[in-house]
PDB file of N, CA and C in Angstrom:
ATOM      1  N   MET A   1       0.838  -1.155  -0.063  1.00  0.00           N
ATOM      2  CA  MET A   1       0.044   0.036  -0.043  1.00  0.00           C
ATOM      3  C   MET A   1       0.888   1.221   0.004  1.00  0.00           C
ATOM      4  N   ILE A   2       0.569   2.246  -0.801  1.00  0.00           N
ATOM      5  CA  ILE A   2       1.327   3.471  -0.967  1.00  0.00           C
ATOM      6  C   ILE A   2       0.608   4.476  -0.155  1.00  0.00           C
ATOM      7  N   PRO A   3       1.413   5.114   0.818  1.00  0.00           N
ATOM      8  CA  PRO A   3       0.874   6.141   1.680  1.00  0.00           C
ATOM      9  C   PRO A   3       0.319   7.355   0.856  1.00  0.00           C
ATOM     10  N   GLU A   4      -0.801   8.016   1.290  1.00  0.00           N
ATOM     11  CA  GLU A   4      -1.427   9.083   0.541  1.00  0.00           C
ATOM     12  C   GLU A   4      -0.522  10.147   0.110  1.00  0.00           C
ATOM     13  N   ASP A   5       0.389  10.501   1.057  1.00  0.00           N
ATOM     14  CA  ASP A   5       1.216  11.657   0.749  1.00  0.00           C
ATOM     15  C   ASP A   5       2.407  11.400  -0.204  1.00  0.00           C
ATOM     16  N   VAL A   6       2.693  10.133  -0.647  1.00  0.00           N
ATOM     17  CA  VAL A   6       3.781   9.754  -1.377  1.00  0.00           C
ATOM     18  C   VAL A   6       3.711  10.281  -2.783  1.00  0.00           C
ATOM     19  N   LEU A   7       2.663  10.037  -3.550  1.00  0.00           N
ATOM     20  CA  LEU A   7       2.573  10.534  -4.975  1.00  0.00           C
ATOM     21  C   LEU A   7       2.624  12.007  -5.068  1.00  0.00           C
ATOM     22  N   GLY A   8       1.853  12.830  -4.367  1.00  0.00           N
ATOM     23  CA  GLY A   8       1.830  14.132  -4.295  1.00  0.00           C
ATOM     24  C   GLY A   8       3.149  14.806  -3.849  1.00  0.00           C
ATOM     25  N   GLY A   9       3.836  14.157  -2.968  1.00  0.00           N
ATOM     26  CA  GLY A   9       5.193  14.761  -2.513  1.00  0.00           C
ATOM     27  C   GLY A   9       6.144  14.411  -3.625  1.00  0.00           C
ATOM     28  N   PHE A  10       6.075  13.241  -4.230  1.00  0.00           N
ATOM     29  CA  PHE A  10       6.968  12.936  -5.274  1.00  0.00           C
ATOM     30  C   PHE A  10       6.792  13.953  -6.442  1.00  0.00           C
ATOM     31  N   GLN A  11       5.662  14.255  -6.771  1.00  0.00           N
ATOM     32  CA  GLN A  11       5.310  15.051  -7.926  1.00  0.00           C
ATOM     33  C   GLN A  11       5.874  16.593  -7.715  1.00  0.00           C
ATOM     34  N   THR A  12       5.619  16.998  -6.403  1.00  0.00           N
ATOM     35  CA  THR A  12       6.166  18.243  -5.907  1.00  0.00           C
ATOM     36  C   THR A  12       7.674  18.261  -6.060  1.00  0.00           C
ATOM     37  N   ARG A  13       8.196  17.201  -5.543  1.00  0.00           N
ATOM     38  CA  ARG A  13       9.741  17.171  -5.548  1.00  0.00           C
ATOM     39  C   ARG A  13      10.242  17.231  -6.983  1.00  0.00           C
ATOM     40  N   LEU A  14       9.675  16.551  -7.881  1.00  0.00           N
ATOM     41  CA  LEU A  14      10.146  16.538  -9.287  1.00  0.00           C
ATOM     42  C   LEU A  14      10.021  18.063  -9.819  1.00  0.00           C
ATOM     43  N   ALA A  15       8.969  18.665  -9.579  1.00  0.00           N
ATOM     44  CA  ALA A  15       8.602  19.987 -10.120  1.00  0.00           C
ATOM     45  C   ALA A  15       9.636  21.024  -9.511  1.00  0.00           C
ATOM     46  N   HIS A  16      10.026  20.855  -8.321  1.00  0.00           N
ATOM     47  CA  HIS A  16      10.824  21.844  -7.701  1.00  0.00           C
ATOM     48  C   HIS A  16      12.443  21.409  -7.492  1.00  0.00           C
ATOM     49  N   ALA A  17      12.676  20.250  -8.103  1.00  0.00           N
ATOM     50  CA  ALA A  17      14.068  19.763  -7.884  1.00  0.00           C
ATOM     51  C   ALA A  17      15.083  20.694  -8.555  1.00  0.00           C
ATOM     52  N   ASP A  18      16.153  20.891  -7.810  1.00  0.00           N
ATOM     53  CA  ASP A  18      17.371  21.458  -8.443  1.00  0.00           C
ATOM     54  C   ASP A  18      18.166  20.303  -8.867  1.00  0.00           C
ATOM     55  N   TRP A  19      18.152  19.907 -10.246  1.00  0.00           N
ATOM     56  CA  TRP A  19      18.793  18.782 -10.759  1.00  0.00           C
ATOM     57  C   TRP A  19      20.246  18.640 -10.651  1.00  0.00           C
ATOM     58  N   ILE A  20      20.890  19.832 -10.710  1.00  0.00           N
ATOM     59  CA  ILE A  20      22.335  19.798 -10.472  1.00  0.00           C
ATOM     60  C   ILE A  20      22.820  19.288  -9.062  1.00  0.00           C
ATOM     61  N   TRP A  21      22.000  19.941  -8.039  1.00  0.00           N
ATOM     62  CA  TRP A  21      22.177  19.434  -6.616  1.00  0.00           C
ATOM     63  C   TRP A  21      21.851  17.983  -6.467  1.00  0.00           C
ATOM     64  N   GLU A  22      20.611  17.596  -6.989  1.00  0.00           N
ATOM     65  CA  GLU A  22      20.186  16.170  -6.863  1.00  0.00           C
ATOM     66  C   GLU A  22      21.103  15.274  -7.429  1.00  0.00           C
ATOM     67  N   ALA A  23      21.788  15.470  -8.516  1.00  0.00           N
ATOM     68  CA  ALA A  23      22.578  14.596  -9.167  1.00  0.00           C
ATOM     69  C   ALA A  23      23.794  14.161  -8.382  1.00  0.00           C
ATOM     70  N   GLU A  24      24.216  14.937  -7.494  1.00  0.00           N
ATOM     71  CA  GLU A  24      25.488  14.674  -6.827  1.00  0.00           C
ATOM     72  C   GLU A  24      25.094  14.351  -5.308  1.00  0.00           C
ATOM     73  N   GLY A  25      26.046  13.464  -4.714  1.00  0.00           N
ATOM     74  CA  GLY A  25      25.956  13.218  -3.384  1.00  0.00           C
ATOM     75  C   GLY A  25      24.662  12.386  -2.900  1.00  0.00           C
ATOM     76  N   ARG A  26      24.304  12.530  -1.778  1.00  0.00           N
ATOM     77  CA  ARG A  26      23.170  11.736  -1.174  1.00  0.00           C
ATOM     78  C   ARG A  26      21.760  12.408  -1.393  1.00  0.00           C
ATOM     79  N   HIS A  27      21.854  13.710  -1.899  1.00  0.00           N
ATOM     80  CA  HIS A  27      20.605  14.516  -1.889  1.00  0.00           C
ATOM     81  C   HIS A  27      19.435  13.822  -2.678  1.00  0.00           C
ATOM     82  N   ALA A  28      19.838  13.019  -3.762  1.00  0.00           N
ATOM     83  CA  ALA A  28      18.733  12.380  -4.516  1.00  0.00           C
ATOM     84  C   ALA A  28      18.003  11.325  -3.758  1.00  0.00           C
ATOM     85  N   PHE A  29      18.625  10.898  -2.651  1.00  0.00           N
ATOM     86  CA  PHE A  29      17.958   9.865  -1.884  1.00  0.00           C
ATOM     87  C   PHE A  29      17.682  10.193  -0.402  1.00  0.00           C
ATOM     88  N   ALA A  30      17.525  11.592  -0.220  1.00  0.00           N
ATOM     89  CA  ALA A  30      17.479  12.131   1.090  1.00  0.00           C
ATOM     90  C   ALA A  30      16.303  11.645   1.867  1.00  0.00           C
ATOM     91  N   ARG A  31      15.212  11.194   1.271  1.00  0.00           N
ATOM     92  CA  ARG A  31      14.207  10.839   2.117  1.00  0.00           C
ATOM     93  C   ARG A  31      14.095   9.226   2.205  1.00  0.00           C
ATOM     94  N   SER A  32      14.970   8.542   1.635  1.00  0.00           N
ATOM     95  CA  SER A  32      14.896   7.072   1.502  1.00  0.00           C
ATOM     96  C   SER A  32      15.073   6.572   2.831  1.00  0.00           C
ATOM     97  N   GLU A  33      16.016   7.142   3.655  1.00  0.00           N
ATOM     98  CA  GLU A  33      16.372   6.505   4.909  1.00  0.00           C
ATOM     99  C   GLU A  33      15.060   6.611   5.881  1.00  0.00           C
ATOM    100  N   ALA A  34      14.527   7.866   5.960  1.00  0.00           N
ATOM    101  CA  ALA A  34      13.483   8.179   6.850  1.00  0.00           C
ATOM    102  C   ALA A  34      12.182   7.373   6.485  1.00  0.00           C
ATOM    103  N   ASP A  35      11.890   7.263   5.195  1.00  0.00           N
ATOM    104  CA  ASP A  35      10.819   6.641   4.711  1.00  0.00           C
ATOM    105  C   ASP A  35      10.862   5.014   4.912  1.00  0.00           C
ATOM    106  N   LEU A  36      12.085   4.445   4.816  1.00  0.00           N
ATOM    107  CA  LEU A  36      12.157   3.111   5.021  1.00  0.00           C
ATOM    108  C   LEU A  36      11.804   2.868   6.503  1.00  0.00           C
ATOM    109  N   ILE A  37      12.487   3.480   7.337  1.00  0.00           N
ATOM    110  CA  ILE A  37      12.258   3.336   8.757  1.00  0.00           C
ATOM    111  C   ILE A  37      10.767   3.590   9.248  1.00  0.00           C
ATOM    112  N   ARG A  38      10.143   4.602   8.576  1.00  0.00           N
ATOM    113  CA  ARG A  38       8.869   4.873   8.901  1.00  0.00           C
ATOM    114  C   ARG A  38       7.891   3.837   8.456  1.00  0.00           C
ATOM    115  N   ASN A  39       8.089   3.271   7.236  1.00  0.00           N
ATOM    116  CA  ASN A  39       7.154   2.264   6.620  1.00  0.00           C
ATOM    117  C   ASN A  39       7.601   0.869   6.918  1.00  0.00           C
ATOM    118  N   ALA A  40       8.597   0.618   7.571  1.00  0.00           N
ATOM    119  CA  ALA A  40       9.093  -0.824   7.889  1.00  0.00           C
ATOM    120  C   ALA A  40       7.947  -1.612   8.639  1.00  0.00           C
ATOM    121  N   PRO A  41       7.900  -2.773   8.155  1.00  0.00           N
ATOM    122  CA  PRO A  41       6.650  -3.644   8.963  1.00  0.00           C
ATOM    123  C   PRO A  41       7.130  -4.286  10.221  1.00  0.00           C
ATOM    124  N   VAL A  42       7.661  -3.508  11.060  1.00  0.00           N
ATOM    125  CA  VAL A  42       8.181  -4.021  12.503  1.00  0.00           C
ATOM    126  C   VAL A  42       7.650  -2.935  13.470  1.00  0.00           C
ATOM    127  N   ILE A  43       7.613  -3.339  14.660  1.00  0.00           N
ATOM    128  CA  ILE A  43       7.103  -2.525  15.819  1.00  0.00           C
ATOM    129  C   ILE A  43       7.969  -1.319  15.975  1.00  0.00           C
ATOM    130  N   ASP A  44       7.357  -0.341  16.456  1.00  0.00           N
ATOM    131  CA  ASP A  44       8.017   1.047  16.762  1.00  0.00           C
ATOM    132  C   ASP A  44       9.384   0.801  17.556  1.00  0.00           C
ATOM    133  N   GLN A  45       9.459   0.030  18.556  1.00  0.00           N
ATOM    134  CA  GLN A  45      10.586  -0.304  19.261  1.00  0.00           C
ATOM    135  C   GLN A  45      11.810  -0.624  18.406  1.00  0.00           C
ATOM    136  N   TYR A  46      11.609  -1.609  17.561  1.00  0.00           N
ATOM    137  CA  TYR A  46      12.620  -1.954  16.650  1.00  0.00           C
ATOM    138  C   TYR A  46      13.089  -0.929  15.696  1.00  0.00           C
ATOM    139  N   LYS A  47      12.045  -0.057  15.133  1.00  0.00           N
ATOM    140  CA  LYS A  47      12.518   1.007  14.346  1.00  0.00           C
ATOM    141  C   LYS A  47      13.413   1.904  15.149  1.00  0.00           C
ATOM    142  N   LYS A  48      13.069   2.212  16.395  1.00  0.00           N
ATOM    143  CA  LYS A  48      13.938   3.145  16.964  1.00  0.00           C
ATOM    144  C   LYS A  48      15.319   2.538  17.388  1.00  0.00           C
ATOM    145  N   GLU A  49      15.287   1.338  17.851  1.00  0.00           N
ATOM    146  CA  GLU A  49      16.553   0.639  18.086  1.00  0.00           C
ATOM    147  C   GLU A  49      17.472   0.414  16.874  1.00  0.00           C
ATOM    148  N   ASP A  50      16.970   0.264  15.752  1.00  0.00           N
ATOM    149  CA  ASP A  50      17.627  -0.209  14.626  1.00  0.00           C
ATOM    150  C   ASP A  50      17.826   0.984  13.495  1.00  0.00           C
ATOM    151  N   GLU A  51      17.323   2.211  13.956  1.00  0.00           N
ATOM    152  CA  GLU A  51      17.396   3.421  13.039  1.00  0.00           C
ATOM    153  C   GLU A  51      18.794   3.648  12.499  1.00  0.00           C
ATOM    154  N   GLU A  52      19.959   3.702  13.308  1.00  0.00           N
ATOM    155  CA  GLU A  52      21.292   3.973  12.979  1.00  0.00           C
ATOM    156  C   GLU A  52      21.752   2.876  12.036  1.00  0.00           C
ATOM    157  N   ILE A  53      21.441   1.500  12.306  1.00  0.00           N
ATOM    158  CA  ILE A  53      21.992   0.523  11.427  1.00  0.00           C
ATOM    159  C   ILE A  53      21.308   0.683  10.027  1.00  0.00           C
ATOM    160  N   VAL A  54      20.011   0.802   9.959  1.00  0.00           N
ATOM    161  CA  VAL A  54      19.276   1.028   8.673  1.00  0.00           C
ATOM    162  C   VAL A  54      19.694   2.195   7.976  1.00  0.00           C
ATOM    163  N   THR A  55      19.931   3.311   8.673  1.00  0.00           N
ATOM    164  CA  THR A  55      20.310   4.583   8.049  1.00  0.00           C
ATOM    165  C   THR A  55      21.641   4.427   7.374  1.00  0.00           C
ATOM    166  N   ASN A  56      22.725   3.785   7.984  1.00  0.00           N
ATOM    167  CA  ASN A  56      23.896   3.661   7.569  1.00  0.00           C
ATOM    168  C   ASN A  56      24.032   2.652   6.377  1.00  0.00           C
ATOM    169  N   SER A  57      23.215   1.607   6.468  1.00  0.00           N
ATOM    170  CA  SER A  57      23.126   0.705   5.368  1.00  0.00           C
ATOM    171  C   SER A  57      22.516   1.331   4.149  1.00  0.00           C
ATOM    172  N   ILE A  58      21.539   2.113   4.224  1.00  0.00           N
ATOM    173  CA  ILE A  58      20.916   2.758   3.016  1.00  0.00           C
ATOM    174  C   ILE A  58      22.049   3.723   2.412  1.00  0.00           C
ATOM    175  N   ARG A  59      22.713   4.517   3.346  1.00  0.00           N
ATOM    176  CA  ARG A  59      23.697   5.474   2.822  1.00  0.00           C
ATOM    177  C   ARG A  59      24.732   4.754   2.047  1.00  0.00           C
ATOM    178  N   PHE A  60      25.178   3.757   2.544  1.00  0.00           N
ATOM    179  CA  PHE A  60      26.352   3.130   1.833  1.00  0.00           C
ATOM    180  C   PHE A  60      25.879   2.315   0.536  1.00  0.00           C
ATOM    181  N   ARG A  61      24.648   1.730   0.625  1.00  0.00           N
ATOM    182  CA  ARG A  61      24.178   1.224  -0.585  1.00  0.00           C
ATOM    183  C   ARG A  61      23.919   2.184  -1.683  1.00  0.00           C
ATOM    184  N   TRP A  62      23.243   3.356  -1.371  1.00  0.00           N
ATOM    185  CA  TRP A  62      23.019   4.282  -2.337  1.00  0.00           C
ATOM    186  C   TRP A  62      24.311   4.873  -2.899  1.00  0.00           C
ATOM    187  N   ARG A  63      25.377   4.971  -1.962  1.00  0.00           N
ATOM    188  CA  ARG A  63      26.579   5.561  -2.521  1.00  0.00           C
ATOM    189  C   ARG A  63      27.089   4.687  -3.622  1.00  0.00           C
ATOM    190  N   ASP A  64      27.064   3.394  -3.422  1.00  0.00           N
ATOM    191  CA  ASP A  64      27.483   2.436  -4.453  1.00  0.00           C
ATOM    192  C   ASP A  64      26.762   2.574  -5.729  1.00  0.00           C
ATOM    193  N   ILE A  65      25.540   2.714  -5.547  1.00  0.00           N
ATOM    194  CA  ILE A  65      24.476   2.918  -6.717  1.00  0.00           C
ATOM    195  C   ILE A  65      24.914   4.187  -7.450  1.00  0.00           C
ATOM    196  N   ARG A  66      25.005   5.267  -6.804  1.00  0.00           N
ATOM    197  CA  ARG A  66      25.355   6.525  -7.395  1.00  0.00           C
ATOM    198  C   ARG A  66      26.653   6.468  -8.178  1.00  0.00           C
ATOM    199  N   GLU A  67      27.669   5.787  -7.474  1.00  0.00           N
ATOM    200  CA  GLU A  67      29.029   5.638  -8.163  1.00  0.00           C
ATOM    201  C   GLU A  67      28.857   4.859  -9.541  1.00  0.00           C
ATOM    202  N   GLN A  68      28.123   3.777  -9.289  1.00  0.00           N
ATOM    203  CA  GLN A  68      27.878   3.028 -10.597  1.00  0.00           C
ATOM    204  C   GLN A  68      27.337   3.708 -11.708  1.00  0.00           C
ATOM    205  N   LEU A  69      26.213   4.402 -11.366  1.00  0.00           N
ATOM    206  CA  LEU A  69      25.487   5.392 -12.373  1.00  0.00           C
ATOM    207  C   LEU A  69      26.561   6.353 -12.827  1.00  0.00           C
ATOM    208  N   ARG A  70      27.340   7.070 -12.014  1.00  0.00           N
ATOM    209  CA  ARG A  70      28.300   7.985 -12.575  1.00  0.00           C
ATOM    210  C   ARG A  70      29.328   7.396 -13.640  1.00  0.00           C
ATOM    211  N   THR A  71      29.704   6.270 -13.292  1.00  0.00           N
ATOM    212  CA  THR A  71      30.706   5.607 -14.196  1.00  0.00           C
ATOM    213  C   THR A  71      30.059   5.061 -15.548  1.00  0.00           C
ATOM    214  N   ARG A  72      28.918   4.747 -15.461  1.00  0.00           N
ATOM    215  CA  ARG A  72      28.223   4.135 -16.677  1.00  0.00           C
ATOM    216  C   ARG A  72      27.320   5.056 -17.592  1.00  0.00           C
ATOM    217  N   ILE A  73      26.824   6.092 -16.953  1.00  0.00           N
ATOM    218  CA  ILE A  73      25.936   7.017 -17.814  1.00  0.00           C
ATOM    219  C   ILE A  73      26.680   7.794 -18.823  1.00  0.00           C
ATOM    220  N   GLU A  74      26.198   8.031 -19.987  1.00  0.00           N
ATOM    221  CA  GLU A  74      26.636   8.826 -21.059  1.00  0.00           C
ATOM    222  C   GLU A  74      25.837  10.081 -20.816  1.00  0.00           C
ATOM    223  N   ARG A  75      26.493  11.024 -20.176  1.00  0.00           N
ATOM    224  CA  ARG A  75      25.782  12.199 -19.827  1.00  0.00           C
ATOM    225  C   ARG A  75      25.463  13.040 -21.063  1.00  0.00           C
ATOM    226  N   ASP A  76      26.315  13.256 -21.962  1.00  0.00           N
ATOM    227  CA  ASP A  76      26.039  13.985 -23.212  1.00  0.00           C
ATOM    228  C   ASP A  76      24.852  13.442 -23.922  1.00  0.00           C
ATOM    229  N   ALA A  77      24.801  12.112 -24.107  1.00  0.00           N
ATOM    230  CA  ALA A  77      23.744  11.491 -24.813  1.00  0.00           C
ATOM    231  C   ALA A  77      22.415  11.631 -24.097  1.00  0.00           C
ATOM    232  N   LEU A  78      22.500  11.534 -22.748  1.00  0.00           N
ATOM    233  CA  LEU A  78      21.270  11.622 -21.986  1.00  0.00           C
ATOM    234  C   LEU A  78      20.760  13.062 -21.994  1.00  0.00           C
ATOM    235  N   CYS A  79      21.707  13.952 -21.845  1.00  0.00           N
ATOM    236  CA  CYS A  79      21.161  15.511 -21.873  1.00  0.00           C
ATOM    237  C   CYS A  79      20.614  15.733 -23.306  1.00  0.00           C
ATOM    238  N   GLU A  80      21.169  15.351 -24.388  1.00  0.00           N
ATOM    239  CA  GLU A  80      20.627  15.515 -25.657  1.00  0.00           C
ATOM    240  C   GLU A  80      19.288  15.020 -25.839  1.00  0.00           C
ATOM    241  N   ASP A  81      19.165  13.822 -25.503  1.00  0.00           N
ATOM    242  CA  ASP A  81      17.824  13.128 -25.527  1.00  0.00           C
ATOM    243  C   ASP A  81      16.710  13.791 -24.674  1.00  0.00           C
ATOM    244  N   TRP A  82      17.077  14.290 -23.573  1.00  0.00           N
ATOM    245  CA  TRP A  82      16.238  14.946 -22.664  1.00  0.00           C
ATOM    246  C   TRP A  82      15.844  16.362 -23.214  1.00  0.00           C
ATOM    247  N   ARG A  83      16.804  17.045 -23.875  1.00  0.00           N
ATOM    248  CA  ARG A  83      16.465  18.417 -24.505  1.00  0.00           C
ATOM    249  C   ARG A  83      15.675  18.154 -25.753  1.00  0.00           C
ATOM    250  N   SER A  84      15.805  17.153 -26.479  1.00  0.00           N
ATOM    251  CA  SER A  84      15.083  16.877 -27.584  1.00  0.00           C
ATOM    252  C   SER A  84      13.591  16.645 -27.256  1.00  0.00           C
ATOM    253  N   LEU A  85      13.194  16.189 -26.129  1.00  0.00           N
ATOM    254  CA  LEU A  85      11.814  15.962 -25.680  1.00  0.00           C
ATOM    255  C   LEU A  85      11.158  17.283 -25.569  1.00  0.00           C
ATOM    256  N   GLY A  86      11.834  18.367 -25.175  1.00  0.00           N
ATOM    257  CA  GLY A  86      11.241  19.807 -25.188  1.00  0.00           C
ATOM    258  C   GLY A  86      10.803  20.278 -26.434  1.00  0.00           C
ATOM    259  N   ASN A  87      11.458  19.851 -27.488  1.00  0.00           N
ATOM    260  CA  ASN A  87      11.203  20.338 -28.942  1.00  0.00           C
ATOM    261  C   ASN A  87       9.988  19.616 -29.564  1.00  0.00           C
ATOM    262  N   LYS A  88       9.445  18.466 -29.137  1.00  0.00           N
ATOM    263  CA  LYS A  88       8.392  17.732 -29.610  1.00  0.00           C
ATOM    264  C   LYS A  88       7.077  18.443 -29.226  1.00  0.00           C
ATOM    265  N   THR A  89       6.105  18.352 -30.264  1.00  0.00           N
ATOM    266  CA  THR A  89       4.956  18.813 -29.952  1.00  0.00           C
ATOM    267  C   THR A  89       3.931  17.523 -29.728  1.00  0.00           C
ATOM    268  N   GLY A  90       2.970  17.669 -28.972  1.00  0.00           N
ATOM    269  CA  GLY A  90       2.221  16.474 -28.837  1.00  0.00           C
ATOM    270  C   GLY A  90       0.930  16.837 -28.607  1.00  0.00           C
TER     271      GLY A  90
END
């Protein structure tokens, strides 16, 4: 089940994102840690006790994913494709 505020929050974030800032560091996944802990299917006591462990695990995992993306992405081609979408009429 998706919480009611998620879709609206996501659309707002997309509309107001500073993509230069979001593309670097952990900013792109800033809410992942808190959201995982908040929505974990365990009792609140476990959420509180394990928060540091979960937070660090997510930070390290996303760091690896960002690094893999950075080394694999063809930035110029991606930007050109994205720019071309703005020139299309539909």
